[in-house]
């Protein structure tokens, strides 16, 4: 019987904290009444992340666990796309493997999906949202926040998108929305979130922005210079594809596909 909820974790250079993350997840998922599957997507990680995942999977769990492995690093977007399309849940959620968003926040996303949203995305800039971190990580948090707000301002100037926090690493989808969106994404890197949300917006999907508590753990592998430049270039790629009406044509196909299924 297919699980009700699929939780996807993209994993890259996570060996220093992954065991603890999986231990916390196991503690939470073991108490859930809904049926869950946990999908660990190891994206060509050069450290011991894969071995940690294999050790975790080797033990019997009260929920399903699968490992998807990339021989080489393809990017966060590619890892999440692989997990989403391999998932079988009625609802499919991805979150960062450092668990900056705890299972409590994941369940906020799940609730919005159960209430009828096609997409539910964490928004760290809602006035009801909050942050926490260790004192020694405050500077890193401020840098991360500044980078995120700058990228969002650039995004809104280049791509006609209506979201104030595109990059939060916690988003959930209904099964049909996940199948459609991730089957049509082109970008593999960190900017995949922008393309994802823009396509969802063009398609007219019901999107809920959920205030969350963000526990900053500094587990990101984002290189602000190298990845930041690529993300900037990707914004113009999205703009170019927009002018070529690629997203309009793709969005229109969603209605046709749904109609065909109903017929």
Protein backbone atom coordinates (compact mmCIF):
# COMPACT_ATOMS: atom_id res chain seq x y z
CA UNK A 1 0.00 0.00 0.00
CA UNK A 2 1.51 3.40 -0.96
CA UNK A 3 2.52 5.67 1.93
CA UNK A 4 0.45 8.74 2.67
CA UNK A 5 3.44 11.05 3.07
CA UNK A 6 6.86 11.05 1.41
CA UNK A 7 9.66 13.03 3.06
CA UNK A 8 12.66 13.70 0.82
CA UNK A 9 16.09 14.71 2.13
CA UNK A 10 18.76 15.87 -0.35
CA UNK A 11 22.17 14.95 1.10
CA UNK A 12 25.58 16.38 0.21
CA UNK A 13 28.64 16.80 2.48
CA UNK A 14 26.49 16.09 5.54
CA UNK A 15 28.59 13.50 7.38
CA UNK A 16 29.33 15.82 10.32
CA UNK A 17 25.69 16.04 11.37
CA UNK A 18 23.75 13.45 9.36
CA UNK A 19 23.70 10.70 12.00
CA UNK A 20 22.16 13.05 14.53
CA UNK A 21 19.61 14.30 11.97
CA UNK A 22 18.52 10.77 11.11
CA UNK A 23 18.30 9.87 14.80
CA UNK A 24 16.00 12.83 15.42
CA UNK A 25 13.89 12.02 12.39
CA UNK A 26 13.53 8.40 13.46
CA UNK A 27 12.40 9.47 16.90
CA UNK A 28 9.70 11.70 15.36
CA UNK A 29 8.51 9.46 12.52
CA UNK A 30 8.26 6.42 14.79
CA UNK A 31 5.47 8.19 16.69
CA UNK A 32 3.44 9.27 13.67
CA UNK A 33 0.09 7.64 12.96
CA UNK A 34 0.12 8.47 9.23
CA UNK A 35 2.11 6.18 6.94
CA UNK A 36 5.42 7.78 5.93
CA UNK A 37 8.30 6.99 3.63
CA UNK A 38 11.70 8.60 4.04
CA UNK A 39 13.73 9.06 0.86
CA UNK A 40 17.43 9.86 1.27
CA UNK A 41 18.95 11.25 -1.93
CA UNK A 42 22.76 11.14 -1.66
CA UNK A 43 23.94 13.53 -4.36
CA UNK A 44 27.45 12.31 -5.13
CA UNK A 45 28.67 13.29 -1.67
CA UNK A 46 32.47 12.80 -1.32
CA UNK A 47 32.33 12.19 2.44
CA UNK A 48 30.80 9.31 4.43
CA UNK A 49 27.18 10.42 3.99
CA UNK A 50 26.28 7.37 1.90
CA UNK A 51 27.72 4.95 4.46
CA UNK A 52 25.74 6.69 7.22
CA UNK A 53 22.54 6.33 5.18
CA UNK A 54 23.23 2.67 4.48
CA UNK A 55 23.77 2.00 8.18
CA UNK A 56 20.48 3.75 8.96
CA UNK A 57 18.55 1.77 6.34
CA UNK A 58 20.03 -1.55 7.51
CA UNK A 59 17.92 -1.43 10.67
CA UNK A 60 14.21 -2.17 10.71
CA UNK A 61 12.00 0.90 10.93
CA UNK A 62 8.23 1.36 11.41
CA UNK A 63 8.17 3.40 8.18
CA UNK A 64 9.65 2.89 4.74
CA UNK A 65 13.18 4.14 4.01
CA UNK A 66 14.92 4.28 0.64
CA UNK A 67 18.28 5.54 -0.58
CA UNK A 68 18.67 7.11 -4.01
CA UNK A 69 22.29 7.57 -5.01
CA UNK A 70 23.97 9.83 -7.57
CA UNK A 71 27.48 8.76 -8.55
CA UNK A 72 28.43 12.38 -9.12
CA UNK A 73 27.10 15.62 -7.68
CA UNK A 74 24.25 16.95 -9.83
CA UNK A 75 22.91 19.74 -7.63
CA UNK A 76 20.22 20.23 -5.01
CA UNK A 77 17.48 20.71 -7.60
CA UNK A 78 18.39 17.48 -9.38
CA UNK A 79 18.50 15.55 -6.09
CA UNK A 80 15.08 16.76 -4.98
CA UNK A 81 13.60 16.16 -8.45
CA UNK A 82 14.85 12.56 -8.33
CA UNK A 83 13.33 12.05 -4.89
CA UNK A 84 10.00 13.67 -5.75
CA UNK A 85 9.51 11.63 -8.91
CA UNK A 86 10.51 8.40 -7.14
CA UNK A 87 8.15 9.12 -4.23
CA UNK A 88 4.76 7.45 -3.96
CA UNK A 89 3.12 9.54 -1.26
CA UNK A 90 -0.18 11.35 -1.60
CA UNK A 91 1.73 14.31 -0.14
CA UNK A 92 5.43 14.89 -0.82
CA UNK A 93 7.65 17.18 1.22
CA UNK A 94 11.33 17.99 1.05
CA UNK A 95 13.46 19.54 3.75
CA UNK A 96 17.16 20.16 4.35
CA UNK A 97 19.05 17.30 5.99
CA UNK A 98 20.49 19.52 8.74
CA UNK A 99 16.89 19.76 10.04
CA UNK A 100 16.88 23.53 10.23
CA UNK A 101 13.15 22.91 10.03
CA UNK A 102 12.06 20.34 12.59
CA UNK A 103 9.29 17.77 12.11
CA UNK A 104 6.94 20.26 13.81
CA UNK A 105 7.46 22.66 10.91
CA UNK A 106 7.15 19.81 8.40
CA UNK A 107 3.73 19.02 9.87
CA UNK A 108 2.63 22.64 9.35
CA UNK A 109 3.35 22.16 5.65
CA UNK A 110 1.52 18.83 5.69
CA UNK A 111 -1.54 20.40 7.31
CA UNK A 112 -1.78 23.03 4.55
CA UNK A 113 -1.62 20.27 1.93
CA UNK A 114 -4.31 18.27 3.68
CA UNK A 115 -6.47 21.40 3.72
CA UNK A 116 -6.35 21.60 -0.07
CA UNK A 117 -3.21 23.48 -1.13
CA UNK A 118 -1.33 22.17 -4.17
CA UNK A 119 1.89 23.59 -2.73
CA UNK A 120 2.83 24.71 0.76
CA UNK A 121 6.12 26.58 1.23
CA UNK A 122 7.92 27.72 4.34
CA UNK A 123 8.33 31.47 4.57
CA UNK A 124 10.94 32.75 7.02
CA UNK A 125 9.97 36.40 6.45
CA UNK A 126 6.38 36.23 7.63
CA UNK A 127 5.91 38.33 10.76
CA UNK A 128 4.81 35.20 12.66
CA UNK A 129 8.06 33.40 11.76
CA UNK A 130 11.01 33.16 14.14
CA UNK A 131 14.71 32.24 14.20
CA UNK A 132 17.01 30.59 16.68
CA UNK A 133 20.69 29.71 16.66
CA UNK A 134 23.73 29.33 18.88
CA UNK A 135 25.48 32.57 19.88
CA UNK A 136 28.65 31.69 17.96
CA UNK A 137 26.63 31.31 14.76
CA UNK A 138 24.89 34.68 14.87
CA UNK A 139 27.30 36.22 12.36
CA UNK A 140 26.75 33.36 9.91
CA UNK A 141 23.00 33.75 10.34
CA UNK A 142 23.17 37.48 9.59
CA UNK A 143 25.26 36.82 6.46
CA UNK A 144 22.82 34.12 5.34
CA UNK A 145 19.85 36.42 5.95
CA UNK A 146 21.47 39.30 4.05
CA UNK A 147 22.31 37.03 1.13
CA UNK A 148 18.80 35.61 1.05
CA UNK A 149 17.07 38.99 1.11
CA UNK A 150 19.42 40.34 -1.60
CA UNK A 151 18.79 37.35 -3.83
CA UNK A 152 15.05 37.67 -3.32
CA UNK A 153 15.10 41.34 -4.32
CA UNK A 154 17.07 40.47 -7.46
CA UNK A 155 14.71 37.63 -8.22
CA UNK A 156 11.63 39.85 -8.06
CA UNK A 157 13.26 42.37 -10.40
CA UNK A 158 14.26 39.78 -13.00
CA UNK A 159 11.52 37.16 -12.75
CA UNK A 160 7.84 38.13 -12.29
CA UNK A 161 7.28 36.11 -9.13
CA UNK A 162 5.21 36.97 -6.09
CA UNK A 163 6.97 35.27 -3.18
CA UNK A 164 9.11 36.90 -0.50
CA UNK A 165 11.05 33.78 0.46
CA UNK A 166 11.79 31.49 -2.48
CA UNK A 167 14.79 29.67 -1.01
CA UNK A 168 13.53 28.16 2.25
CA UNK A 169 14.49 24.48 2.33
CA UNK A 170 11.02 23.22 3.24
CA UNK A 171 8.31 22.81 0.63
CA UNK A 172 5.44 20.37 0.18
CA UNK A 173 3.29 19.26 -2.74
CA UNK A 174 0.26 17.21 -3.54
CA UNK A 175 1.19 14.11 -5.53
CA UNK A 176 -0.18 15.43 -8.88
CA UNK A 177 1.46 18.84 -8.41
CA UNK A 178 4.82 17.21 -7.60
CA UNK A 179 4.63 14.94 -10.65
CA UNK A 180 3.81 17.83 -12.97
CA UNK A 181 6.24 20.42 -11.61
CA UNK A 182 9.30 18.23 -11.17
CA UNK A 183 8.79 16.56 -14.55
CA UNK A 184 9.08 19.98 -16.19
CA UNK A 185 11.90 21.69 -14.27
CA UNK A 186 15.09 22.48 -16.18
CA UNK A 187 17.40 23.82 -13.46
CA UNK A 188 19.50 21.50 -11.28
CA UNK A 189 21.15 23.91 -8.85
CA UNK A 190 20.04 26.04 -5.89
CA UNK A 191 17.89 28.30 -8.09
CA UNK A 192 15.50 25.47 -8.91
CA UNK A 193 13.16 26.88 -6.21
CA UNK A 194 12.56 30.02 -8.27
CA UNK A 195 11.77 28.06 -11.42
CA UNK A 196 9.54 25.72 -9.42
CA UNK A 197 7.50 28.52 -7.88
CA UNK A 198 7.31 30.49 -11.10
CA UNK A 199 5.95 27.49 -13.01
CA UNK A 200 3.48 26.79 -10.19
CA UNK A 201 2.37 30.43 -10.30
CA UNK A 202 1.94 30.31 -14.09
CA UNK A 203 -0.06 27.10 -13.79
CA UNK A 204 -2.45 28.65 -11.27
CA UNK A 205 -1.79 26.13 -8.52
CA UNK A 206 -3.00 26.92 -5.02
CA UNK A 207 0.09 27.92 -3.04
CA UNK A 208 0.16 28.47 0.72
CA UNK A 209 3.00 30.43 2.39
CA UNK A 210 3.46 29.13 5.91
CA UNK A 211 5.20 30.99 8.77
CA UNK A 212 7.80 28.77 10.41
CA UNK A 213 10.45 28.56 13.08
CA UNK A 214 13.91 28.35 11.50
CA UNK A 215 16.71 26.82 13.60
CA UNK A 216 19.90 27.99 11.93
CA UNK A 217 22.52 25.22 12.01
CA UNK A 218 24.87 26.40 9.25
CA UNK A 219 24.69 23.06 7.41
CA UNK A 220 24.32 24.62 3.98
CA UNK A 221 26.86 23.73 1.26
CA UNK A 222 26.06 26.93 -0.65
CA UNK A 223 29.15 28.79 -1.88
CA UNK A 224 28.07 32.43 -1.86
CA UNK A 225 30.45 33.43 -4.65
CA UNK A 226 30.35 30.46 -7.04
CA UNK A 227 26.77 29.32 -6.46
CA UNK A 228 25.55 32.88 -6.11
CA UNK A 229 26.88 33.75 -9.57
CA UNK A 230 25.26 30.65 -11.08
CA UNK A 231 21.94 31.48 -9.41
CA UNK A 232 22.13 34.99 -10.86
CA UNK A 233 22.69 33.54 -14.34
CA UNK A 234 19.82 31.10 -13.81
CA UNK A 235 17.42 33.99 -13.15
CA UNK A 236 18.12 35.30 -16.64
CA UNK A 237 17.65 31.80 -18.05
CA UNK A 238 14.19 31.73 -16.46
CA UNK A 239 13.50 35.19 -17.90
CA UNK A 240 14.61 34.02 -21.35
CA UNK A 241 12.41 30.93 -21.18
CA UNK A 242 9.57 33.20 -20.06
CA UNK A 243 9.95 35.39 -23.16
CA UNK A 244 10.00 32.24 -25.27
CA UNK A 245 6.68 31.32 -23.58
CA UNK A 246 8.07 27.98 -22.45
CA UNK A 247 6.34 28.21 -19.09
CA UNK A 248 3.02 29.31 -20.55
CA UNK A 249 2.95 26.30 -22.87
CA UNK A 250 3.97 23.96 -20.06
CA UNK A 251 1.39 25.44 -17.68
CA UNK A 252 -1.38 24.99 -20.23
CA UNK A 253 -0.46 21.31 -20.54
CA UNK A 254 -1.26 20.80 -16.86
CA UNK A 255 -4.93 21.49 -17.43
CA UNK A 256 -4.93 19.19 -20.44
CA UNK A 257 -3.23 16.38 -18.50
CA UNK A 258 -5.71 16.69 -15.65
CA UNK A 259 -8.57 16.73 -18.12
CA UNK A 260 -7.26 13.61 -19.84
CA UNK A 261 -6.97 11.81 -16.51
CA UNK A 262 -10.53 12.76 -15.56
CA UNK A 263 -11.77 11.64 -18.95
